[in-house]
Amino acid sequence: MSELLVERRGAVEIATLNRPERLNALNEGLVGELNAYFGGLAERPDVRVVILRGAGHGFCAGLDIQEDRSSGDETPVLRTLRTQTSIGNIYRKMRACPQPIVALGHGAACGGGLSLLLASDVRYAAPSFRCNAAYIRIGLGGCDMASSYFLPRLVGASLASEMILTGRFIDAERALRAGLVSEIVDEEALLDRGLALADEMLATSPYGLRLSKQALGLNIDAPCLEAAMAIEDRQQVILSATEDHREALAAFLEKRAPEYRNN
């Protein structure tokens, strides 16, 4: 059975981490499937939104530290570098793919599992949700898997430092107050809430949605206001020339739903 289950619902795909017996910990198989999936989304314009979740009692426990990752004559240093790179590539591909990713967190999200949430665009949490940057608890540096990049931008320097320097957990309520998640939703309603948000996104033009994710990703690191506004201006000029823009404008004036043609 695949360690990443993908279910299609129209223009939405639900990607489910499927190692519930290991709290969806990241082994080589799951890492490979995540890389292949998120790496392939750029060539799949028919998929417009992705929902990411975990099977079983938790979202993702991070790296499966019990897995034997040795390979032939590979030295421990090279093995660690290979592992770091292969897992890190997941988050790079999540940010690079044009589809918005809605993550549904329940139970524990630890280490690399937390970074799956951080690399998503929107995060909802069940009341059971708790997360930590676990690395420093096993004798490593607390900054790993892009946590030192994502966390300060999402929750601010103080809470990011608290989490990274101690490895302590924060619960759903604190995650909500810090802005790490958008909303706390009962676990049985979590998928429906994600799908409802996806439906709102699907009401926008395909290229408008893709370029909006791109601009958000670029402008969080924009060196100045002028640089950020230049990207916005470029996108608006491009999108104003599309047929979908003209259709959306006509539908707005005629008080009807637009019929997009992705052009």
Protein backbone atom coordinates (compact mmCIF):
# COMPACT_ATOMS: atom_id res chain seq x y z
CA MET A 1 0.00 0.00 0.00
CA SER A 2 1.23 3.48 -0.85
CA GLU A 3 2.58 5.53 2.03
CA LEU A 4 1.01 8.63 0.47
CA LEU A 5 -2.65 8.27 -0.49
CA VAL A 6 -3.98 10.77 -3.04
CA GLU A 7 -7.72 11.18 -3.55
CA ARG A 8 -9.10 13.34 -6.35
CA ARG A 9 -12.19 15.47 -5.84
CA GLY A 10 -12.69 17.56 -8.94
CA ALA A 11 -9.88 20.12 -9.09
CA VAL A 12 -8.83 19.32 -5.49
CA GLU A 13 -6.52 16.53 -4.35
CA ILE A 14 -6.40 15.22 -0.79
CA ALA A 15 -2.91 13.90 0.03
CA THR A 16 -2.86 11.73 3.15
CA LEU A 17 0.31 10.62 4.92
CA ASN A 18 -0.37 6.91 5.35
CA ARG A 19 1.90 5.39 8.01
CA PRO A 20 -0.52 5.52 10.94
CA GLU A 21 1.24 2.71 12.79
CA ARG A 22 4.34 4.99 12.98
CA LEU A 23 2.39 8.25 13.47
CA ASN A 24 3.18 8.99 9.81
CA ALA A 25 6.91 9.34 10.53
CA LEU A 26 9.05 10.16 7.51
CA ASN A 27 10.80 7.08 6.18
CA GLU A 28 12.54 6.86 2.81
CA GLY A 29 9.43 5.55 1.09
CA LEU A 30 7.17 8.37 2.26
CA VAL A 31 9.87 10.97 1.61
CA GLY A 32 10.24 9.70 -1.95
CA GLU A 33 6.49 9.78 -2.56
CA LEU A 34 6.15 13.30 -1.15
CA ASN A 35 9.00 14.54 -3.33
CA ALA A 36 7.50 12.94 -6.43
CA TYR A 37 4.03 14.26 -5.68
CA PHE A 38 4.87 17.89 -4.91
CA GLY A 39 7.54 17.96 -7.61
CA GLY A 40 5.02 16.90 -10.24
CA LEU A 41 2.31 19.43 -9.42
CA ALA A 42 3.80 22.18 -11.57
CA GLU A 43 2.92 20.13 -14.65
CA ARG A 44 -0.65 19.45 -13.50
CA PRO A 45 -2.79 22.58 -14.01
CA ASP A 46 -5.93 20.45 -13.63
CA VAL A 47 -5.12 20.22 -9.89
CA ARG A 48 -5.83 23.63 -8.40
CA VAL A 49 -5.74 23.06 -4.61
CA VAL A 50 -4.07 20.42 -2.42
CA ILE A 51 -5.24 19.37 1.04
CA LEU A 52 -2.55 17.70 3.18
CA ARG A 53 -3.39 15.59 6.22
CA GLY A 54 -2.23 12.58 8.24
CA ALA A 55 -3.92 9.21 8.79
CA GLY A 56 -4.55 7.80 12.24
CA HIS A 57 -3.93 9.55 15.54
CA GLY A 58 -1.49 12.26 14.47
CA PHE A 59 -0.31 14.41 11.61
CA CYS A 60 3.38 13.46 11.42
CA ALA A 61 5.94 12.50 14.08
CA GLY A 62 8.88 13.75 11.99
CA LEU A 63 11.84 11.64 10.92
CA ASP A 64 11.50 7.90 11.52
CA ILE A 65 14.68 7.58 13.59
CA GLN A 66 14.28 3.79 13.84
CA GLU A 67 14.66 3.25 10.09
CA ASP A 68 17.96 1.86 8.81
CA ARG A 69 19.06 4.34 6.14
CA SER A 70 22.48 2.82 5.43
CA SER A 71 23.29 2.27 1.78
CA GLY A 72 26.30 0.22 0.64
CA ASP A 73 29.63 1.84 1.45
CA GLU A 74 28.06 5.23 2.20
CA THR A 75 29.71 7.02 5.14
CA PRO A 76 27.56 8.30 8.04
CA VAL A 77 28.23 11.90 6.96
CA LEU A 78 27.09 11.26 3.40
CA ARG A 79 24.07 9.31 4.63
CA THR A 80 23.03 12.20 6.86
CA LEU A 81 23.53 14.69 4.03
CA ARG A 82 21.41 12.53 1.71
CA THR A 83 18.65 12.34 4.31
CA GLN A 84 18.76 16.08 5.02
CA THR A 85 18.62 16.92 1.34
CA SER A 86 15.86 14.50 0.40
CA ILE A 87 13.56 15.61 3.22
CA GLY A 88 14.40 19.28 2.75
CA ASN A 89 13.51 19.02 -0.93
CA ILE A 90 9.90 18.30 0.07
CA TYR A 91 9.51 21.76 1.59
CA ARG A 92 11.24 23.43 -1.36
CA LYS A 93 8.82 21.71 -3.74
CA MET A 94 5.81 22.60 -1.60
CA ARG A 95 6.70 26.27 -1.79
CA ALA A 96 7.53 26.07 -5.50
CA CYS A 97 4.37 24.27 -6.62
CA PRO A 98 1.71 26.70 -7.90
CA GLN A 99 -1.21 25.08 -6.06
CA PRO A 100 -2.18 26.42 -2.62
CA ILE A 101 -1.71 23.76 0.06
CA VAL A 102 -4.20 23.56 2.93
CA ALA A 103 -2.81 21.53 5.84
CA LEU A 104 -5.07 19.85 8.40
CA GLY A 105 -3.23 19.26 11.67
CA HIS A 106 -4.38 16.86 14.36
CA GLY A 107 -2.47 15.11 17.12
CA ALA A 108 1.30 15.58 17.03
CA ALA A 109 3.30 17.41 14.38
CA CYS A 110 6.97 17.10 15.32
CA GLY A 111 10.21 18.16 13.65
CA GLY A 112 9.95 17.47 9.95
CA GLY A 113 6.21 16.95 10.41
CA LEU A 114 5.90 20.48 11.77
CA SER A 115 7.76 21.71 8.68
CA LEU A 116 5.15 20.08 6.44
CA LEU A 117 2.64 22.37 8.10
CA LEU A 118 4.93 25.40 7.95
CA ALA A 119 5.53 24.93 4.21
CA SER A 120 1.78 24.85 3.55
CA ASP A 121 -0.18 27.98 2.72
CA VAL A 122 -3.10 27.64 5.16
CA ARG A 123 -3.25 25.57 8.33
CA TYR A 124 -6.29 24.40 10.30
CA ALA A 125 -5.94 22.47 13.54
CA ALA A 126 -8.05 20.06 15.58
CA PRO A 127 -8.25 20.60 19.37
CA SER A 128 -5.84 17.64 19.76
CA PHE A 129 -3.13 19.40 17.77
CA ARG A 130 0.30 19.96 19.31
CA CYS A 131 3.59 20.70 17.61
CA ASN A 132 7.28 21.15 18.32
CA ALA A 133 10.64 21.69 16.67
CA ALA A 134 12.01 18.49 18.11
CA TYR A 135 15.60 18.49 16.88
CA ILE A 136 17.36 19.99 19.90
CA ARG A 137 15.88 17.26 22.10
CA ILE A 138 18.04 14.60 20.44
CA GLY A 139 21.34 16.47 20.67
CA LEU A 140 21.13 18.31 17.35
CA GLY A 141 20.79 22.00 16.59
CA GLY A 142 17.26 23.29 17.00
CA CYS A 143 17.27 24.85 13.52
CA ASP A 144 16.41 22.21 10.93
CA MET A 145 14.09 21.50 8.02
CA ALA A 146 13.52 25.22 7.34
CA SER A 147 12.17 25.84 10.87
CA SER A 148 14.54 28.78 11.35
CA TYR A 149 13.13 30.29 8.13
CA PHE A 150 9.42 29.59 8.51
CA LEU A 151 8.79 29.94 12.24
CA PRO A 152 10.00 33.54 12.80
CA ARG A 153 8.00 34.68 9.78
CA LEU A 154 4.83 32.94 10.95
CA VAL A 155 4.86 33.40 14.74
CA GLY A 156 7.51 36.05 15.41
CA ALA A 157 11.03 35.83 16.76
CA SER A 158 10.17 35.31 20.43
CA LEU A 159 7.95 32.24 20.12
CA ALA A 160 10.14 30.85 17.33
CA SER A 161 13.17 31.11 19.60
CA GLU A 162 11.28 29.53 22.49
CA MET A 163 10.28 26.55 20.35
CA ILE A 164 13.63 26.10 18.60
CA LEU A 165 15.82 26.54 21.69
CA THR A 166 13.83 24.16 23.89
CA GLY A 167 11.94 21.76 21.61
CA ARG A 168 8.87 22.33 23.77
CA PHE A 169 5.37 21.66 22.46
CA ILE A 170 2.72 24.28 21.89
CA ASP A 171 -0.95 23.29 21.77
CA ALA A 172 -3.72 24.25 19.35
CA GLU A 173 -4.85 27.26 21.37
CA ARG A 174 -1.40 28.78 21.50
CA ALA A 175 -0.82 28.00 17.83
CA LEU A 176 -4.03 29.88 17.03
CA ARG A 177 -3.09 32.91 19.16
CA ALA A 178 0.34 33.03 17.51
CA GLY A 179 -1.11 32.89 14.00
CA LEU A 180 0.44 29.52 13.19
CA VAL A 181 -3.03 28.16 12.36
CA SER A 182 -6.06 30.00 11.04
CA GLU A 183 -8.74 28.19 13.01
CA ILE A 184 -9.36 25.32 15.43
CA VAL A 185 -11.95 22.90 14.05
CA ASP A 186 -13.44 19.75 15.58
CA GLU A 187 -11.51 16.79 14.24
CA GLU A 188 -14.50 15.18 12.51
CA ALA A 189 -15.16 18.47 10.67
CA LEU A 190 -11.54 19.18 9.74
CA LEU A 191 -11.65 17.78 6.20
CA ASP A 192 -14.96 19.49 5.43
CA ARG A 193 -13.48 22.81 6.58
CA GLY A 194 -10.49 22.32 4.31
CA LEU A 195 -12.70 21.41 1.37
CA ALA A 196 -14.90 24.44 1.99
CA LEU A 197 -11.86 26.71 1.81
CA ALA A 198 -10.72 24.93 -1.34
CA ASP A 199 -14.15 25.62 -2.89
CA GLU A 200 -13.67 29.33 -2.22
CA MET A 201 -10.28 29.20 -3.90
CA LEU A 202 -11.79 27.38 -6.89
CA ALA A 203 -14.16 30.32 -7.38
CA THR A 204 -11.13 32.41 -8.43
CA SER A 205 -9.44 32.32 -11.83
CA PRO A 206 -6.84 29.55 -12.21
CA TYR A 207 -3.94 31.83 -13.12
CA GLY A 208 -5.00 34.45 -10.58
CA LEU A 209 -4.80 31.84 -7.83
CA ARG A 210 -1.43 30.49 -8.97
CA LEU A 211 0.21 33.90 -9.33
CA SER A 212 -1.19 35.03 -5.98
CA LYS A 213 0.60 32.15 -4.25
CA GLN A 214 3.75 33.04 -6.16
CA ALA A 215 3.62 36.70 -5.12
CA LEU A 216 3.01 35.84 -1.47
CA GLY A 217 6.03 33.55 -1.51
CA LEU A 218 8.27 36.13 -3.15
CA ASN A 219 7.13 39.18 -1.23
CA ILE A 220 7.60 37.76 2.25
CA ASP A 221 11.31 38.21 1.47
CA ALA A 222 10.99 41.36 -0.64
CA PRO A 223 13.87 43.76 0.09
CA CYS A 224 11.62 46.82 0.02
CA LEU A 225 8.11 48.09 -0.68
CA GLU A 226 8.99 49.02 -4.24
CA ALA A 227 10.22 45.52 -5.04
CA ALA A 228 7.03 43.95 -3.66
CA MET A 229 4.79 46.35 -5.57
CA ALA A 230 6.71 45.74 -8.80
CA ILE A 231 5.84 42.03 -8.58
CA GLU A 232 2.20 42.90 -7.89
CA ASP A 233 2.10 45.31 -10.84
CA ARG A 234 3.66 42.71 -13.16
CA GLN A 235 1.08 40.10 -12.20
CA GLN A 236 -1.86 42.46 -12.59
CA VAL A 237 -0.72 43.55 -16.05
CA ILE A 238 -0.37 39.91 -17.12
CA LEU A 239 -3.70 38.82 -15.64
CA SER A 240 -5.60 41.82 -17.02
CA ALA A 241 -4.85 40.53 -20.54
CA THR A 242 -6.42 37.08 -19.93
CA GLU A 243 -9.82 35.91 -21.10
CA ASP A 244 -10.54 34.68 -17.57
CA HIS A 245 -10.21 38.24 -16.26
CA ARG A 246 -12.73 39.48 -18.81
CA GLU A 247 -15.06 36.59 -17.93
CA ALA A 248 -14.73 37.28 -14.17
CA LEU A 249 -15.48 40.97 -14.69
CA ALA A 250 -18.52 40.20 -16.85
CA ALA A 251 -19.78 37.63 -14.33
CA PHE A 252 -19.38 40.14 -11.49
CA LEU A 253 -21.40 42.78 -13.34
CA GLU A 254 -24.04 40.23 -14.37
CA LYS A 255 -24.23 38.75 -10.86
CA ARG A 256 -23.49 35.17 -11.96
CA ALA A 257 -20.77 32.61 -11.39
CA PRO A 258 -17.84 32.90 -13.81
CA GLU A 259 -16.97 30.10 -16.22
CA TYR A 260 -13.17 29.99 -16.37
CA ARG A 261 -11.28 28.48 -19.30
CA ASN A 262 -7.76 28.73 -17.85
CA ASN A 263 -6.64 31.21 -20.48
